Amino acid sequence: METTVQEKIRIKKPNWLRVKLPTGENYKKVRSLVDEHKLHTICESGNCPNMGECWGEGTATFMILGNICTRSCGFCAVSTGKPLEADIFEPAKVAQSVKLMEVKHAVITSVDRDDLPDGGSEIWAATVKSIRRKSPGTTMETLIPDFGGKWQNLQNIIDVAPEVVSHNLETVRRLTKQVRIQAKYDRSLEVLMRLKRAGMKTKSGIMLGLGETDEEVYETIDDLSSVGCDIITMGQYLQPTPNHLPIAEFVTPQKFDEFGEYALKKGFKFVESGPLVRSSYHAEKHIF
């Protein structure tokens, strides 16, 4: 029988990408609450390798505005199509989940909603406000889309002032059109620049192993530094299905360390760089 592309990738997966099963009393407590109340987190649906560690630290990630995206990025497993109507009760539902799970630091993300005039930014703002009402001690990071460059929609996020606002470049300039088909590298940089100028703590992340060169990674770090980005995460790209972009390379932990050291020298306040790092990894530590 012919070996599929995905099977070949699995055979070649290095030891450093193996993950320990989640354990610990805090994790078990959150796991029980999630199961009992049928709560939904992107931690589970995204099979995040760091779920046990994050839940143990009181951090969880929630995705709002549905599970159908208007964009078709080559790296992402979220379905593409015509989204359902936005749920005006969703902010209250997410806030209730945060309260039940006793989340200390909530990361909120979403699909792209280019179908909506406000890009979903009003639901975004309502979610932040609702969490604050129900769990005033919970801090938040909002991992936002670019809102198509409609800056009033971005202003809706700024107005509610989450503790951290994150927007991922995802990849280097050369690969952006291939990896993030409808996105623009410079527009994402402008999102981060506008957020920083408005007084937000800013964060961005990139995936490695898509075919970028070392020089391009350094250039991307430089670009993020130039717009005042405070926090950067760098992790290994893993192909969700055989229909997504293939892995060009498994980047070594040593190489991640080199990129991380360079980012620290560029003045980033927090740097998370390693094969298993994801956007929300150690997010609770990025409050300063």
C-alpha atoms as a PDB file:
ATOM      1  CA  MET A   1       0.000   0.000   0.000  1.00  0.00           C
ATOM      2  CA  GLU A   2       1.311   3.450  -0.917  1.00  0.00           C
ATOM      3  CA  THR A   3       2.276   5.637   2.033  1.00  0.00           C
ATOM      4  CA  THR A   4       0.367   8.917   2.236  1.00  0.00           C
ATOM      5  CA  VAL A   5       2.048  12.299   2.684  1.00  0.00           C
ATOM      6  CA  GLN A   6       0.678  12.575   6.223  1.00  0.00           C
ATOM      7  CA  GLU A   7       2.035   9.133   7.156  1.00  0.00           C
ATOM      8  CA  LYS A   8       5.464  10.110   5.852  1.00  0.00           C
ATOM      9  CA  ILE A   9       5.380  13.230   7.992  1.00  0.00           C
ATOM     10  CA  ARG A  10       4.421  11.228  11.061  1.00  0.00           C
ATOM     11  CA  ILE A  11       7.306   8.827  10.522  1.00  0.00           C
ATOM     12  CA  LYS A  12       9.741  11.726  10.325  1.00  0.00           C
ATOM     13  CA  LYS A  13       8.377  13.642  13.318  1.00  0.00           C
ATOM     14  CA  PRO A  14      11.308  14.203  15.697  1.00  0.00           C
ATOM     15  CA  ASN A  15      11.403  13.255  19.364  1.00  0.00           C
ATOM     16  CA  TRP A  16      11.257  16.855  20.535  1.00  0.00           C
ATOM     17  CA  LEU A  17       7.663  17.130  19.263  1.00  0.00           C
ATOM     18  CA  ARG A  18       6.373  14.381  21.539  1.00  0.00           C
ATOM     19  CA  VAL A  19       4.015  15.666  24.205  1.00  0.00           C
ATOM     20  CA  LYS A  20       3.370  14.330  27.689  1.00  0.00           C
ATOM     21  CA  LEU A  21      -0.228  13.609  28.630  1.00  0.00           C
ATOM     22  CA  PRO A  22      -1.764  16.415  30.709  1.00  0.00           C
ATOM     23  CA  THR A  23      -1.763  15.817  34.460  1.00  0.00           C
ATOM     24  CA  GLY A  24      -2.099  17.718  37.731  1.00  0.00           C
ATOM     25  CA  GLU A  25      -4.928  18.529  40.123  1.00  0.00           C
ATOM     26  CA  ASN A  26      -5.773  21.906  38.563  1.00  0.00           C
ATOM     27  CA  TYR A  27      -5.969  20.330  35.117  1.00  0.00           C
ATOM     28  CA  LYS A  28      -8.226  17.534  36.405  1.00  0.00           C
ATOM     29  CA  LYS A  29     -10.512  20.083  38.059  1.00  0.00           C
ATOM     30  CA  VAL A  30     -10.879  22.137  34.868  1.00  0.00           C
ATOM     31  CA  ARG A  31     -11.285  18.979  32.787  1.00  0.00           C
ATOM     32  CA  SER A  32     -14.172  17.910  35.025  1.00  0.00           C
ATOM     33  CA  LEU A  33     -15.892  21.314  34.748  1.00  0.00           C
ATOM     34  CA  VAL A  34     -15.522  21.358  30.953  1.00  0.00           C
ATOM     35  CA  ASP A  35     -17.046  17.886  30.673  1.00  0.00           C
ATOM     36  CA  GLU A  36     -19.829  18.526  33.184  1.00  0.00           C
ATOM     37  CA  HIS A  37     -21.017  21.799  31.636  1.00  0.00           C
ATOM     38  CA  LYS A  38     -20.152  20.899  28.011  1.00  0.00           C
ATOM     39  CA  LEU A  39     -17.950  23.971  27.699  1.00  0.00           C
ATOM     40  CA  HIS A  40     -16.004  24.612  24.502  1.00  0.00           C
ATOM     41  CA  THR A  41     -12.416  25.786  24.320  1.00  0.00           C
ATOM     42  CA  ILE A  42     -10.069  26.070  21.364  1.00  0.00           C
ATOM     43  CA  CYS A  43      -7.530  24.308  23.584  1.00  0.00           C
ATOM     44  CA  GLU A  44      -9.417  21.052  23.019  1.00  0.00           C
ATOM     45  CA  SER A  45     -10.685  21.502  19.478  1.00  0.00           C
ATOM     46  CA  GLY A  46      -7.228  22.578  18.362  1.00  0.00           C
ATOM     47  CA  ASN A  47      -5.540  19.666  20.169  1.00  0.00           C
ATOM     48  CA  CYS A  48      -3.059  22.102  21.688  1.00  0.00           C
ATOM     49  CA  PRO A  49       0.038  20.318  23.013  1.00  0.00           C
ATOM     50  CA  ASN A  50       0.196  22.688  25.972  1.00  0.00           C
ATOM     51  CA  MET A  51      -3.378  22.275  27.207  1.00  0.00           C
ATOM     52  CA  GLY A  52      -2.447  20.522  30.440  1.00  0.00           C
ATOM     53  CA  GLU A  53       0.183  23.095  31.357  1.00  0.00           C
ATOM     54  CA  CYS A  54      -2.047  26.086  30.532  1.00  0.00           C
ATOM     55  CA  TRP A  55      -5.139  24.737  32.299  1.00  0.00           C
ATOM     56  CA  GLY A  56      -2.946  23.982  35.292  1.00  0.00           C
ATOM     57  CA  GLU A  57      -1.929  27.662  35.350  1.00  0.00           C
ATOM     58  CA  GLY A  58      -5.520  28.872  35.025  1.00  0.00           C
ATOM     59  CA  THR A  59      -5.291  29.893  31.361  1.00  0.00           C
ATOM     60  CA  ALA A  60      -7.753  28.857  28.638  1.00  0.00           C
ATOM     61  CA  THR A  61      -8.490  29.955  25.066  1.00  0.00           C
ATOM     62  CA  PHE A  62     -11.977  30.516  23.656  1.00  0.00           C
ATOM     63  CA  MET A  63     -12.996  31.048  20.036  1.00  0.00           C
ATOM     64  CA  ILE A  64     -15.921  33.375  19.304  1.00  0.00           C
ATOM     65  CA  LEU A  65     -18.032  34.276  16.253  1.00  0.00           C
ATOM     66  CA  GLY A  66     -18.656  30.690  15.208  1.00  0.00           C
ATOM     67  CA  ASN A  67     -16.481  27.992  13.689  1.00  0.00           C
ATOM     68  CA  ILE A  68     -16.753  28.872   9.987  1.00  0.00           C
ATOM     69  CA  CYS A  69     -14.216  31.358   8.630  1.00  0.00           C
ATOM     70  CA  THR A  70     -14.568  33.637   5.617  1.00  0.00           C
ATOM     71  CA  ARG A  71     -10.900  33.102   4.779  1.00  0.00           C
ATOM     72  CA  SER A  72      -9.056  30.012   3.607  1.00  0.00           C
ATOM     73  CA  CYS A  73      -5.558  30.129   5.095  1.00  0.00           C
ATOM     74  CA  GLY A  74      -3.327  27.276   3.988  1.00  0.00           C
ATOM     75  CA  PHE A  75      -2.262  26.344   7.513  1.00  0.00           C
ATOM     76  CA  CYS A  76      -5.570  26.446   9.394  1.00  0.00           C
ATOM     77  CA  ALA A  77      -7.964  23.566  10.067  1.00  0.00           C
ATOM     78  CA  VAL A  78     -11.007  25.815  10.670  1.00  0.00           C
ATOM     79  CA  SER A  79     -13.721  25.332   8.028  1.00  0.00           C
ATOM     80  CA  THR A  80     -14.106  27.962   5.307  1.00  0.00           C
ATOM     81  CA  GLY A  81     -17.492  29.051   3.983  1.00  0.00           C
ATOM     82  CA  LYS A  82     -20.499  31.214   4.741  1.00  0.00           C
ATOM     83  CA  PRO A  83     -20.687  31.679   8.517  1.00  0.00           C
ATOM     84  CA  LEU A  84     -23.894  31.476  10.499  1.00  0.00           C
ATOM     85  CA  GLU A  85     -25.439  34.624  11.900  1.00  0.00           C
ATOM     86  CA  ALA A  86     -23.479  36.046  14.835  1.00  0.00           C
ATOM     87  CA  ASP A  87     -24.867  35.021  18.215  1.00  0.00           C
ATOM     88  CA  ILE A  88     -25.622  38.116  20.299  1.00  0.00           C
ATOM     89  CA  PHE A  89     -25.753  35.905  23.410  1.00  0.00           C
ATOM     90  CA  GLU A  90     -22.272  34.525  22.838  1.00  0.00           C
ATOM     91  CA  PRO A  91     -20.447  37.089  25.025  1.00  0.00           C
ATOM     92  CA  ALA A  92     -22.548  36.025  28.027  1.00  0.00           C
ATOM     93  CA  LYS A  93     -21.954  32.326  27.262  1.00  0.00           C
ATOM     94  CA  VAL A  94     -18.194  32.778  27.057  1.00  0.00           C
ATOM     95  CA  ALA A  95     -18.193  34.828  30.258  1.00  0.00           C
ATOM     96  CA  GLN A  96     -20.112  32.061  32.019  1.00  0.00           C
ATOM     97  CA  SER A  97     -17.544  29.491  30.842  1.00  0.00           C
ATOM     98  CA  VAL A  98     -14.714  31.657  32.128  1.00  0.00           C
ATOM     99  CA  LYS A  99     -16.435  31.943  35.500  1.00  0.00           C
ATOM    100  CA  LEU A 100     -17.242  28.229  35.810  1.00  0.00           C
ATOM    101  CA  MET A 101     -13.697  27.254  34.886  1.00  0.00           C
ATOM    102  CA  GLU A 102     -12.289  29.849  37.288  1.00  0.00           C
ATOM    103  CA  VAL A 103     -10.014  31.089  34.514  1.00  0.00           C
ATOM    104  CA  LYS A 104      -7.380  33.526  35.746  1.00  0.00           C
ATOM    105  CA  HIS A 105      -6.268  34.595  32.273  1.00  0.00           C
ATOM    106  CA  ALA A 106      -8.546  34.187  29.250  1.00  0.00           C
ATOM    107  CA  VAL A 107      -7.317  34.239  25.675  1.00  0.00           C
ATOM    108  CA  ILE A 108     -10.071  35.089  23.198  1.00  0.00           C
ATOM    109  CA  THR A 109      -9.693  34.433  19.482  1.00  0.00           C
ATOM    110  CA  SER A 110     -12.076  34.235  16.529  1.00  0.00           C
ATOM    111  CA  VAL A 111     -12.589  33.261  12.952  1.00  0.00           C
ATOM    112  CA  ASP A 112     -12.424  36.054  10.363  1.00  0.00           C
ATOM    113  CA  ARG A 113     -15.857  37.553   9.747  1.00  0.00           C
ATOM    114  CA  ASP A 114     -15.371  39.567   6.565  1.00  0.00           C
ATOM    115  CA  ASP A 115     -19.100  39.046   5.944  1.00  0.00           C
ATOM    116  CA  LEU A 116     -20.003  41.459   8.764  1.00  0.00           C
ATOM    117  CA  PRO A 117     -19.728  45.258   8.392  1.00  0.00           C
ATOM    118  CA  ASP A 118     -18.050  45.477  11.797  1.00  0.00           C
ATOM    119  CA  GLY A 119     -15.932  42.371  11.223  1.00  0.00           C
ATOM    120  CA  GLY A 120     -17.395  40.964  14.440  1.00  0.00           C
ATOM    121  CA  SER A 121     -15.708  43.685  16.502  1.00  0.00           C
ATOM    122  CA  GLU A 122     -18.885  44.542  18.414  1.00  0.00           C
ATOM    123  CA  ILE A 123     -19.211  40.932  19.615  1.00  0.00           C
ATOM    124  CA  TRP A 124     -15.513  41.092  20.478  1.00  0.00           C
ATOM    125  CA  ALA A 125     -16.016  44.196  22.621  1.00  0.00           C
ATOM    126  CA  ALA A 126     -19.150  42.785  24.242  1.00  0.00           C
ATOM    127  CA  THR A 127     -17.259  39.590  25.144  1.00  0.00           C
ATOM    128  CA  VAL A 128     -14.504  41.520  26.912  1.00  0.00           C
ATOM    129  CA  LYS A 129     -17.073  43.576  28.823  1.00  0.00           C
ATOM    130  CA  SER A 130     -19.109  40.507  29.770  1.00  0.00           C
ATOM    131  CA  ILE A 131     -16.077  38.643  31.118  1.00  0.00           C
ATOM    132  CA  ARG A 132     -15.113  41.679  33.176  1.00  0.00           C
ATOM    133  CA  ARG A 133     -18.590  41.860  34.691  1.00  0.00           C
ATOM    134  CA  LYS A 134     -18.723  38.178  35.660  1.00  0.00           C
ATOM    135  CA  SER A 135     -15.036  37.680  36.521  1.00  0.00           C
ATOM    136  CA  PRO A 136     -13.498  41.054  37.377  1.00  0.00           C
ATOM    137  CA  GLY A 137     -10.271  39.415  38.493  1.00  0.00           C
ATOM    138  CA  THR A 138      -9.664  37.693  35.150  1.00  0.00           C
ATOM    139  CA  THR A 139      -7.146  39.254  32.775  1.00  0.00           C
ATOM    140  CA  MET A 140      -7.523  38.933  29.014  1.00  0.00           C
ATOM    141  CA  GLU A 141      -5.614  38.623  25.774  1.00  0.00           C
ATOM    142  CA  THR A 142      -7.550  39.174  22.554  1.00  0.00           C
ATOM    143  CA  LEU A 143      -6.032  37.420  19.532  1.00  0.00           C
ATOM    144  CA  ILE A 144      -7.737  39.444  16.816  1.00  0.00           C
ATOM    145  CA  PRO A 145      -8.010  39.348  13.009  1.00  0.00           C
ATOM    146  CA  ASP A 146      -6.991  42.323  10.856  1.00  0.00           C
ATOM    147  CA  PHE A 147     -10.638  43.400  10.302  1.00  0.00           C
ATOM    148  CA  GLY A 148      -9.776  43.901   6.642  1.00  0.00           C
ATOM    149  CA  GLY A 149      -7.979  47.122   7.481  1.00  0.00           C
ATOM    150  CA  LYS A 150     -11.203  48.825   8.591  1.00  0.00           C
ATOM    151  CA  TRP A 151      -9.713  50.804  11.427  1.00  0.00           C
ATOM    152  CA  GLN A 152     -12.960  51.779  13.161  1.00  0.00           C
ATOM    153  CA  ASN A 153     -13.493  48.069  13.819  1.00  0.00           C
ATOM    154  CA  LEU A 154     -10.030  47.893  15.368  1.00  0.00           C
ATOM    155  CA  GLN A 155     -10.979  50.901  17.489  1.00  0.00           C
ATOM    156  CA  ASN A 156     -13.789  48.844  19.055  1.00  0.00           C
ATOM    157  CA  ILE A 157     -11.080  46.571  20.497  1.00  0.00           C
ATOM    158  CA  ILE A 158      -8.939  49.477  21.657  1.00  0.00           C
ATOM    159  CA  ASP A 159     -11.927  51.061  23.405  1.00  0.00           C
ATOM    160  CA  VAL A 160     -12.341  48.076  25.754  1.00  0.00           C
ATOM    161  CA  ALA A 161      -8.570  47.881  26.367  1.00  0.00           C
ATOM    162  CA  PRO A 162      -7.779  44.179  26.938  1.00  0.00           C
ATOM    163  CA  GLU A 163      -4.606  43.628  28.944  1.00  0.00           C
ATOM    164  CA  VAL A 164      -2.872  42.272  25.808  1.00  0.00           C
ATOM    165  CA  VAL A 165      -3.927  42.562  22.166  1.00  0.00           C
ATOM    166  CA  SER A 166      -2.423  39.996  19.832  1.00  0.00           C
ATOM    167  CA  HIS A 167      -2.399  39.760  16.047  1.00  0.00           C
ATOM    168  CA  ASN A 168      -0.318  37.074  14.362  1.00  0.00           C
ATOM    169  CA  LEU A 169       1.861  37.617  11.302  1.00  0.00           C
ATOM    170  CA  GLU A 170       1.954  33.794  11.082  1.00  0.00           C
ATOM    171  CA  THR A 171       4.816  33.713   8.549  1.00  0.00           C
ATOM    172  CA  VAL A 172       7.485  35.715   6.741  1.00  0.00           C
ATOM    173  CA  ARG A 173       6.717  38.303   4.060  1.00  0.00           C
ATOM    174  CA  ARG A 174       7.549  36.072   1.060  1.00  0.00           C
ATOM    175  CA  LEU A 175       5.235  33.263   2.151  1.00  0.00           C
ATOM    176  CA  THR A 176       2.302  35.402   3.306  1.00  0.00           C
ATOM    177  CA  LYS A 177       0.264  35.137   0.099  1.00  0.00           C
ATOM    178  CA  GLN A 178       0.616  31.352   0.155  1.00  0.00           C
ATOM    179  CA  VAL A 179       0.023  30.868   3.884  1.00  0.00           C
ATOM    180  CA  ARG A 180      -2.534  33.635   4.589  1.00  0.00           C
ATOM    181  CA  ILE A 181      -4.227  33.959   1.228  1.00  0.00           C
ATOM    182  CA  GLN A 182      -6.453  36.992   1.938  1.00  0.00           C
ATOM    183  CA  ALA A 183      -4.128  38.702   4.413  1.00  0.00           C
ATOM    184  CA  LYS A 184      -1.386  41.246   3.811  1.00  0.00           C
ATOM    185  CA  TYR A 185       1.924  41.327   5.645  1.00  0.00           C
ATOM    186  CA  ASP A 186       2.115  45.118   5.826  1.00  0.00           C
ATOM    187  CA  ARG A 187      -1.520  45.435   6.864  1.00  0.00           C
ATOM    188  CA  SER A 188      -0.841  43.136   9.820  1.00  0.00           C
ATOM    189  CA  LEU A 189       2.146  45.259  10.782  1.00  0.00           C
ATOM    190  CA  GLU A 190      -0.094  48.316  10.620  1.00  0.00           C
ATOM    191  CA  VAL A 191      -2.628  46.636  12.926  1.00  0.00           C
ATOM    192  CA  LEU A 192       0.130  46.154  15.502  1.00  0.00           C
ATOM    193  CA  MET A 193       1.458  49.675  14.990  1.00  0.00           C
ATOM    194  CA  ARG A 194      -1.981  51.248  15.490  1.00  0.00           C
ATOM    195  CA  LEU A 195      -2.582  49.171  18.596  1.00  0.00           C
ATOM    196  CA  LYS A 196       0.763  50.204  20.057  1.00  0.00           C
ATOM    197  CA  ARG A 197       0.168  53.872  19.319  1.00  0.00           C
ATOM    198  CA  ALA A 198      -3.163  53.573  21.138  1.00  0.00           C
ATOM    199  CA  GLY A 199      -1.357  52.375  24.248  1.00  0.00           C
ATOM    200  CA  MET A 200      -2.047  48.633  23.962  1.00  0.00           C
ATOM    201  CA  LYS A 201       0.399  45.899  24.986  1.00  0.00           C
ATOM    202  CA  THR A 202       0.943  44.079  21.695  1.00  0.00           C
ATOM    203  CA  LYS A 203       1.842  40.531  20.753  1.00  0.00           C
ATOM    204  CA  SER A 204       2.387  38.562  17.558  1.00  0.00           C
ATOM    205  CA  GLY A 205       3.334  35.040  16.548  1.00  0.00           C
ATOM    206  CA  ILE A 206       4.915  33.210  13.642  1.00  0.00           C
ATOM    207  CA  MET A 207       5.107  29.559  12.608  1.00  0.00           C
ATOM    208  CA  LEU A 208       8.388  28.074  11.398  1.00  0.00           C
ATOM    209  CA  GLY A 209       8.947  25.135   9.106  1.00  0.00           C
ATOM    210  CA  LEU A 210       6.956  26.425   6.118  1.00  0.00           C
ATOM    211  CA  GLY A 211      10.003  26.983   3.905  1.00  0.00           C
ATOM    212  CA  GLU A 212      11.267  30.295   5.278  1.00  0.00           C
ATOM    213  CA  THR A 213      15.005  31.035   5.473  1.00  0.00           C
ATOM    214  CA  ASP A 214      16.827  32.050   8.646  1.00  0.00           C
ATOM    215  CA  GLU A 215      17.373  35.505   7.155  1.00  0.00           C
ATOM    216  CA  GLU A 216      13.622  35.878   6.599  1.00  0.00           C
ATOM    217  CA  VAL A 217      12.893  34.947  10.205  1.00  0.00           C
ATOM    218  CA  TYR A 218      15.348  37.578  11.427  1.00  0.00           C
ATOM    219  CA  GLU A 219      13.765  40.110   9.061  1.00  0.00           C
ATOM    220  CA  THR A 220      10.307  39.309  10.459  1.00  0.00           C
ATOM    221  CA  ILE A 221      11.552  39.756  14.016  1.00  0.00           C
ATOM    222  CA  ASP A 222      13.026  43.111  12.940  1.00  0.00           C
ATOM    223  CA  ASP A 223       9.712  44.151  11.370  1.00  0.00           C
ATOM    224  CA  LEU A 224       7.755  43.333  14.524  1.00  0.00           C
ATOM    225  CA  SER A 225      10.301  45.194  16.615  1.00  0.00           C
ATOM    226  CA  SER A 226       9.987  48.242  14.333  1.00  0.00           C
ATOM    227  CA  VAL A 227       6.270  48.615  15.156  1.00  0.00           C
ATOM    228  CA  GLY A 228       6.897  48.324  18.890  1.00  0.00           C
ATOM    229  CA  CYS A 229       5.557  44.799  19.368  1.00  0.00           C
ATOM    230  CA  ASP A 230       6.056  43.767  22.998  1.00  0.00           C
ATOM    231  CA  ILE A 231       5.719  39.977  22.846  1.00  0.00           C
ATOM    232  CA  ILE A 232       6.622  37.419  20.184  1.00  0.00           C
ATOM    233  CA  THR A 233       5.904  33.689  19.962  1.00  0.00           C
ATOM    234  CA  MET A 234       7.613  31.298  17.547  1.00  0.00           C
ATOM    235  CA  GLY A 235       6.595  27.659  17.133  1.00  0.00           C
ATOM    236  CA  GLN A 236       6.734  24.737  14.705  1.00  0.00           C
ATOM    237  CA  TYR A 237       4.072  24.523  11.987  1.00  0.00           C
ATOM    238  CA  LEU A 238       2.288  21.164  12.014  1.00  0.00           C
ATOM    239  CA  GLN A 239       0.135  20.183   9.044  1.00  0.00           C
ATOM    240  CA  PRO A 240      -3.489  19.704  10.226  1.00  0.00           C
ATOM    241  CA  THR A 241      -4.532  17.464   7.290  1.00  0.00           C
ATOM    242  CA  PRO A 242      -2.999  16.249   4.002  1.00  0.00           C
ATOM    243  CA  ASN A 243      -4.969  19.018   2.265  1.00  0.00           C
ATOM    244  CA  HIS A 244      -3.088  21.770   4.077  1.00  0.00           C
ATOM    245  CA  LEU A 245       0.342  23.202   3.370  1.00  0.00           C
ATOM    246  CA  PRO A 246       3.067  20.578   3.811  1.00  0.00           C
ATOM    247  CA  ILE A 247       5.799  20.857   6.417  1.00  0.00           C
ATOM    248  CA  ALA A 248       9.000  21.956   4.718  1.00  0.00           C
ATOM    249  CA  GLU A 249      11.215  21.429   7.756  1.00  0.00           C
ATOM    250  CA  PHE A 250      11.202  20.427  11.402  1.00  0.00           C
ATOM    251  CA  VAL A 251      13.112  23.299  12.985  1.00  0.00           C
ATOM    252  CA  THR A 252      15.439  22.172  15.780  1.00  0.00           C
ATOM    253  CA  PRO A 253      15.118  23.383  19.385  1.00  0.00           C
ATOM    254  CA  GLN A 254      18.615  24.851  19.028  1.00  0.00           C
ATOM    255  CA  LYS A 255      17.511  26.987  16.081  1.00  0.00           C
ATOM    256  CA  PHE A 256      14.450  28.166  18.008  1.00  0.00           C
ATOM    257  CA  ASP A 257      16.796  29.188  20.829  1.00  0.00           C
ATOM    258  CA  GLU A 258      18.888  31.227  18.400  1.00  0.00           C
ATOM    259  CA  PHE A 259      15.817  33.061  17.082  1.00  0.00           C
ATOM    260  CA  GLY A 260      14.600  33.626  20.626  1.00  0.00           C
ATOM    261  CA  GLU A 261      17.926  35.089  21.741  1.00  0.00           C
ATOM    262  CA  TYR A 262      17.902  37.439  18.758  1.00  0.00           C
ATOM    263  CA  ALA A 263      14.375  38.617  19.609  1.00  0.00           C
ATOM    264  CA  LEU A 264      15.404  39.333  23.195  1.00  0.00           C
ATOM    265  CA  LYS A 265      18.304  41.435  21.933  1.00  0.00           C
ATOM    266  CA  LYS A 266      15.812  43.389  19.803  1.00  0.00           C
ATOM    267  CA  GLY A 267      14.016  44.457  22.962  1.00  0.00           C
ATOM    268  CA  PHE A 268      10.913  42.271  23.117  1.00  0.00           C
ATOM    269  CA  LYS A 269       9.629  42.118  26.692  1.00  0.00           C
ATOM    270  CA  PHE A 270       8.626  38.447  26.393  1.00  0.00           C
ATOM    271  CA  VAL A 271       9.824  35.834  23.903  1.00  0.00           C
ATOM    272  CA  GLU A 272       8.436  32.305  23.618  1.00  0.00           C
ATOM    273  CA  SER A 273      10.398  30.295  21.059  1.00  0.00           C
ATOM    274  CA  GLY A 274      10.284  26.514  20.760  1.00  0.00           C
ATOM    275  CA  PRO A 275       8.829  23.682  18.670  1.00  0.00           C
ATOM    276  CA  LEU A 276       5.705  23.259  20.827  1.00  0.00           C
ATOM    277  CA  VAL A 277       5.037  26.968  21.389  1.00  0.00           C
ATOM    278  CA  ARG A 278       1.598  28.196  20.301  1.00  0.00           C
ATOM    279  CA  SER A 279       0.135  31.708  20.342  1.00  0.00           C
ATOM    280  CA  SER A 280      -1.295  31.436  23.842  1.00  0.00           C
ATOM    281  CA  TYR A 281       1.650  29.568  25.389  1.00  0.00           C
ATOM    282  CA  HIS A 282       2.526  31.137  28.770  1.00  0.00           C
ATOM    283  CA  ALA A 283      -0.021  33.848  27.974  1.00  0.00           C
ATOM    284  CA  GLU A 284      -0.649  34.415  31.684  1.00  0.00           C
ATOM    285  CA  LYS A 285       2.984  35.550  32.057  1.00  0.00           C
ATOM    286  CA  HIS A 286       2.673  38.237  29.389  1.00  0.00           C
ATOM    287  CA  ILE A 287       0.838  40.692  31.655  1.00  0.00           C
ATOM    288  CA  PHE A 288       3.234  43.436  32.704  1.00  0.00           C
END
